[in-house]
Amino acid sequence: MTLEPGEFDRLRSMHDRLDLQEVEDIYLPLSRLLSIYVDATQRLYYSQRQFLAIRDRKMPYIVGVAGSVAVGKSTTARVLQALLARWSPRPKV
């Protein structure tokens, strides 16, 4: 699973040094790890709620991206958003 060339171009901003190989080597495995972690966390949340007989809404999962000025935070967020939306089950990203 990766991004299509046209989709990749839309995710890049004007001065990004991002290339498709970087997406496949770094962002794809990171998005998969986040997807696994989110799934496990949500399963634990639902199990606890079921055990405690609590009816609750869905639990949001928030990912923060921090760093200095012009280091690629927005690019990272855009690429992760696009990749995370592809994992099963299809989350709202």
N, C-alpha and C. Protein backbone atom coordinates (compact mmCIF):
# COMPACT_ATOMS: atom_id res chain seq x y z
N MET A 1 0.84 -1.17 0.00
CA MET A 1 0.00 0.00 0.00
C MET A 1 0.89 1.24 0.00
N THR A 2 0.60 2.14 -0.87
CA THR A 2 1.34 3.39 -0.92
C THR A 2 0.46 4.45 -1.56
N LEU A 3 1.00 5.61 -1.78
CA LEU A 3 0.25 6.69 -2.41
C LEU A 3 0.45 6.64 -3.91
N GLU A 4 -0.58 7.01 -4.63
CA GLU A 4 -0.48 7.13 -6.07
C GLU A 4 0.33 8.38 -6.40
N PRO A 5 1.04 8.42 -7.54
CA PRO A 5 1.85 9.60 -7.90
C PRO A 5 1.07 10.91 -7.88
N GLY A 6 -0.15 10.94 -8.40
CA GLY A 6 -0.95 12.16 -8.38
C GLY A 6 -1.33 12.58 -6.98
N GLU A 7 -1.67 11.60 -6.16
CA GLU A 7 -2.02 11.87 -4.76
C GLU A 7 -0.80 12.37 -4.00
N PHE A 8 0.33 11.78 -4.29
CA PHE A 8 1.58 12.18 -3.65
C PHE A 8 1.89 13.65 -3.96
N ASP A 9 1.72 14.04 -5.21
CA ASP A 9 1.98 15.44 -5.61
C ASP A 9 1.06 16.41 -4.89
N ARG A 10 -0.19 16.03 -4.66
CA ARG A 10 -1.13 16.90 -3.95
C ARG A 10 -0.76 17.08 -2.48
N LEU A 11 -0.09 16.09 -1.89
CA LEU A 11 0.28 16.16 -0.47
C LEU A 11 1.50 17.03 -0.22
N ARG A 12 2.33 17.18 -1.21
CA ARG A 12 3.55 17.98 -1.05
C ARG A 12 3.21 19.46 -1.08
N SER A 13 3.94 20.23 -0.27
CA SER A 13 3.80 21.68 -0.36
C SER A 13 4.91 22.19 -1.27
N MET A 14 4.98 23.49 -1.44
CA MET A 14 5.86 24.08 -2.45
C MET A 14 7.35 23.73 -2.26
N HIS A 15 7.82 23.72 -1.03
CA HIS A 15 9.26 23.54 -0.80
C HIS A 15 9.62 22.20 -0.14
N ASP A 16 8.72 21.22 -0.24
CA ASP A 16 8.99 19.91 0.37
C ASP A 16 10.09 19.17 -0.37
N ARG A 17 10.92 18.50 0.40
CA ARG A 17 11.93 17.61 -0.19
C ARG A 17 11.50 16.15 -0.03
N LEU A 18 10.23 15.94 0.04
CA LEU A 18 9.66 14.61 0.23
C LEU A 18 9.63 13.86 -1.10
N ASP A 19 10.03 12.59 -1.05
CA ASP A 19 9.91 11.78 -2.26
C ASP A 19 9.16 10.49 -1.93
N LEU A 20 8.71 9.80 -2.95
CA LEU A 20 7.89 8.61 -2.77
C LEU A 20 8.63 7.52 -2.00
N GLN A 21 9.93 7.40 -2.20
CA GLN A 21 10.72 6.39 -1.48
C GLN A 21 10.70 6.67 0.03
N GLU A 22 10.77 7.94 0.41
CA GLU A 22 10.71 8.31 1.83
C GLU A 22 9.35 7.94 2.42
N VAL A 23 8.31 8.16 1.66
CA VAL A 23 6.97 7.79 2.12
C VAL A 23 6.91 6.29 2.37
N GLU A 24 7.43 5.49 1.45
CA GLU A 24 7.39 4.04 1.59
C GLU A 24 8.29 3.54 2.71
N ASP A 25 9.45 4.18 2.91
CA ASP A 25 10.41 3.73 3.92
C ASP A 25 10.09 4.19 5.33
N ILE A 26 9.50 5.38 5.46
CA ILE A 26 9.30 5.97 6.78
C ILE A 26 7.82 6.09 7.15
N TYR A 27 7.06 6.78 6.32
CA TYR A 27 5.68 7.10 6.69
C TYR A 27 4.75 5.89 6.62
N LEU A 28 4.94 5.01 5.69
CA LEU A 28 4.08 3.83 5.59
C LEU A 28 4.22 2.92 6.82
N PRO A 29 5.46 2.56 7.23
CA PRO A 29 5.58 1.75 8.45
C PRO A 29 5.07 2.49 9.70
N LEU A 30 5.30 3.80 9.77
CA LEU A 30 4.82 4.57 10.91
C LEU A 30 3.30 4.58 10.94
N SER A 31 2.67 4.74 9.79
CA SER A 31 1.21 4.74 9.75
C SER A 31 0.65 3.38 10.14
N ARG A 32 1.33 2.32 9.75
CA ARG A 32 0.88 0.96 10.12
C ARG A 32 1.00 0.75 11.62
N LEU A 33 2.12 1.19 12.20
CA LEU A 33 2.32 1.07 13.65
C LEU A 33 1.25 1.86 14.40
N LEU A 34 0.97 3.09 13.95
CA LEU A 34 -0.08 3.89 14.58
C LEU A 34 -1.45 3.21 14.45
N SER A 35 -1.72 2.63 13.29
CA SER A 35 -2.98 1.94 13.07
C SER A 35 -3.14 0.77 14.04
N ILE A 36 -2.08 0.00 14.21
CA ILE A 36 -2.11 -1.15 15.14
C ILE A 36 -2.32 -0.66 16.57
N TYR A 37 -1.63 0.40 16.94
CA TYR A 37 -1.73 0.94 18.30
C TYR A 37 -3.13 1.49 18.56
N VAL A 38 -3.67 2.22 17.62
CA VAL A 38 -5.02 2.78 17.77
C VAL A 38 -6.03 1.66 17.90
N ASP A 39 -5.93 0.64 17.07
CA ASP A 39 -6.85 -0.49 17.13
C ASP A 39 -6.80 -1.18 18.49
N ALA A 40 -5.60 -1.42 18.99
CA ALA A 40 -5.45 -2.09 20.29
C ALA A 40 -6.00 -1.22 21.42
N THR A 41 -5.75 0.07 21.37
CA THR A 41 -6.24 0.98 22.39
C THR A 41 -7.77 1.03 22.38
N GLN A 42 -8.35 1.09 21.20
CA GLN A 42 -9.81 1.13 21.11
C GLN A 42 -10.45 -0.18 21.56
N ARG A 43 -9.83 -1.30 21.24
CA ARG A 43 -10.37 -2.58 21.71
C ARG A 43 -10.35 -2.65 23.23
N LEU A 44 -9.27 -2.19 23.86
CA LEU A 44 -9.19 -2.15 25.32
C LEU A 44 -10.27 -1.23 25.89
N TYR A 45 -10.45 -0.07 25.28
CA TYR A 45 -11.46 0.89 25.72
C TYR A 45 -12.86 0.26 25.67
N TYR A 46 -13.19 -0.39 24.56
CA TYR A 46 -14.51 -1.00 24.42
C TYR A 46 -14.68 -2.18 25.40
N SER A 47 -13.64 -2.94 25.62
CA SER A 47 -13.72 -4.05 26.57
C SER A 47 -13.96 -3.55 27.99
N GLN A 48 -13.27 -2.49 28.36
CA GLN A 48 -13.47 -1.90 29.69
C GLN A 48 -14.90 -1.39 29.84
N ARG A 49 -15.39 -0.72 28.81
CA ARG A 49 -16.75 -0.18 28.87
C ARG A 49 -17.78 -1.31 28.95
N GLN A 50 -17.55 -2.37 28.21
CA GLN A 50 -18.46 -3.50 28.25
C GLN A 50 -18.43 -4.16 29.63
N PHE A 51 -17.24 -4.36 30.18
CA PHE A 51 -17.10 -4.97 31.50
C PHE A 51 -17.79 -4.13 32.57
N LEU A 52 -17.65 -2.81 32.48
CA LEU A 52 -18.23 -1.91 33.47
C LEU A 52 -19.67 -1.51 33.14
N ALA A 53 -20.22 -2.07 32.06
CA ALA A 53 -21.59 -1.78 31.62
C ALA A 53 -21.81 -0.28 31.41
N ILE A 54 -20.86 0.35 30.78
CA ILE A 54 -20.95 1.78 30.48
C ILE A 54 -21.20 1.92 28.99
N ARG A 55 -22.23 2.66 28.66
CA ARG A 55 -22.50 2.94 27.24
C ARG A 55 -21.94 4.32 26.95
N ASP A 56 -21.04 4.36 26.02
CA ASP A 56 -20.33 5.59 25.74
C ASP A 56 -20.20 5.78 24.24
N ARG A 57 -19.87 7.00 23.86
CA ARG A 57 -19.62 7.29 22.45
C ARG A 57 -18.25 6.74 22.07
N LYS A 58 -17.94 6.88 20.78
CA LYS A 58 -16.62 6.47 20.30
C LYS A 58 -15.55 7.32 20.95
N MET A 59 -14.40 6.71 21.14
CA MET A 59 -13.28 7.41 21.73
C MET A 59 -12.38 7.94 20.62
N PRO A 60 -12.12 9.24 20.61
CA PRO A 60 -11.20 9.77 19.59
C PRO A 60 -9.76 9.41 19.95
N TYR A 61 -8.95 9.34 18.96
CA TYR A 61 -7.52 9.10 19.15
C TYR A 61 -6.79 10.25 18.49
N ILE A 62 -6.00 10.96 19.26
CA ILE A 62 -5.36 12.16 18.76
C ILE A 62 -3.85 11.93 18.63
N VAL A 63 -3.32 12.29 17.47
CA VAL A 63 -1.88 12.19 17.22
C VAL A 63 -1.34 13.61 17.11
N GLY A 64 -0.35 13.93 17.92
CA GLY A 64 0.26 15.26 17.88
C GLY A 64 1.59 15.20 17.13
N VAL A 65 1.85 16.23 16.37
CA VAL A 65 3.12 16.35 15.64
C VAL A 65 3.75 17.67 16.08
N ALA A 66 4.95 17.59 16.64
CA ALA A 66 5.62 18.79 17.16
C ALA A 66 7.01 18.92 16.55
N GLY A 67 7.51 20.14 16.52
CA GLY A 67 8.85 20.38 16.01
C GLY A 67 9.07 21.86 15.77
N SER A 68 10.27 22.19 15.39
CA SER A 68 10.64 23.58 15.12
C SER A 68 9.97 24.08 13.85
N VAL A 69 10.20 25.32 13.57
CA VAL A 69 9.66 25.96 12.37
C VAL A 69 10.27 25.32 11.12
N ALA A 70 9.43 25.06 10.15
CA ALA A 70 9.85 24.59 8.82
C ALA A 70 10.62 23.27 8.82
N VAL A 71 10.18 22.33 9.68
CA VAL A 71 10.83 21.02 9.70
C VAL A 71 9.99 19.92 9.06
N GLY A 72 8.76 20.25 8.64
CA GLY A 72 7.94 19.27 7.96
C GLY A 72 6.75 18.76 8.75
N LYS A 73 6.32 19.49 9.77
CA LYS A 73 5.17 19.05 10.57
C LYS A 73 3.90 18.93 9.72
N SER A 74 3.63 19.93 8.91
CA SER A 74 2.42 19.91 8.08
C SER A 74 2.50 18.80 7.04
N THR A 75 3.66 18.61 6.45
CA THR A 75 3.83 17.54 5.47
C THR A 75 3.63 16.19 6.13
N THR A 76 4.23 16.01 7.30
CA THR A 76 4.07 14.76 8.05
C THR A 76 2.60 14.51 8.35
N ALA A 77 1.90 15.53 8.81
CA ALA A 77 0.48 15.38 9.13
C ALA A 77 -0.34 15.02 7.88
N ARG A 78 -0.07 15.67 6.77
CA ARG A 78 -0.81 15.37 5.53
C ARG A 78 -0.56 13.94 5.05
N VAL A 79 0.70 13.52 5.07
CA VAL A 79 1.03 12.17 4.59
C VAL A 79 0.44 11.12 5.53
N LEU A 80 0.58 11.31 6.84
CA LEU A 80 0.01 10.35 7.78
C LEU A 80 -1.51 10.30 7.67
N GLN A 81 -2.14 11.44 7.47
CA GLN A 81 -3.59 11.46 7.30
C GLN A 81 -4.01 10.62 6.11
N ALA A 82 -3.32 10.80 5.00
CA ALA A 82 -3.65 10.04 3.78
C ALA A 82 -3.42 8.55 3.97
N LEU A 83 -2.32 8.18 4.62
CA LEU A 83 -2.01 6.76 4.80
C LEU A 83 -2.90 6.10 5.85
N LEU A 84 -3.13 6.79 6.97
CA LEU A 84 -3.95 6.20 8.03
C LEU A 84 -5.38 5.94 7.57
N ALA A 85 -5.88 6.78 6.69
CA ALA A 85 -7.24 6.61 6.19
C ALA A 85 -7.39 5.35 5.34
N ARG A 86 -6.29 4.75 4.92
CA ARG A 86 -6.34 3.56 4.08
C ARG A 86 -6.35 2.25 4.86
N TRP A 87 -5.96 2.27 6.13
CA TRP A 87 -5.88 1.04 6.90
C TRP A 87 -7.27 0.56 7.29
N SER A 88 -7.38 -0.73 7.52
CA SER A 88 -8.65 -1.31 7.90
C SER A 88 -8.70 -1.43 9.42
N PRO A 89 -9.80 -1.17 10.07
CA PRO A 89 -11.02 -0.63 9.50
C PRO A 89 -10.83 0.82 9.14
N ARG A 90 -11.52 1.26 8.11
CA ARG A 90 -11.34 2.61 7.58
C ARG A 90 -11.70 3.66 8.65
N PRO A 91 -10.69 4.26 9.28
CA PRO A 91 -11.00 5.27 10.30
C PRO A 91 -11.34 6.62 9.69
N LYS A 92 -12.02 7.43 10.46
CA LYS A 92 -12.26 8.81 10.05
C LYS A 92 -11.03 9.59 10.49
N VAL A 93 -10.24 10.06 9.54
CA VAL A 93 -8.97 10.71 9.86
C VAL A 93 -9.05 12.18 9.52
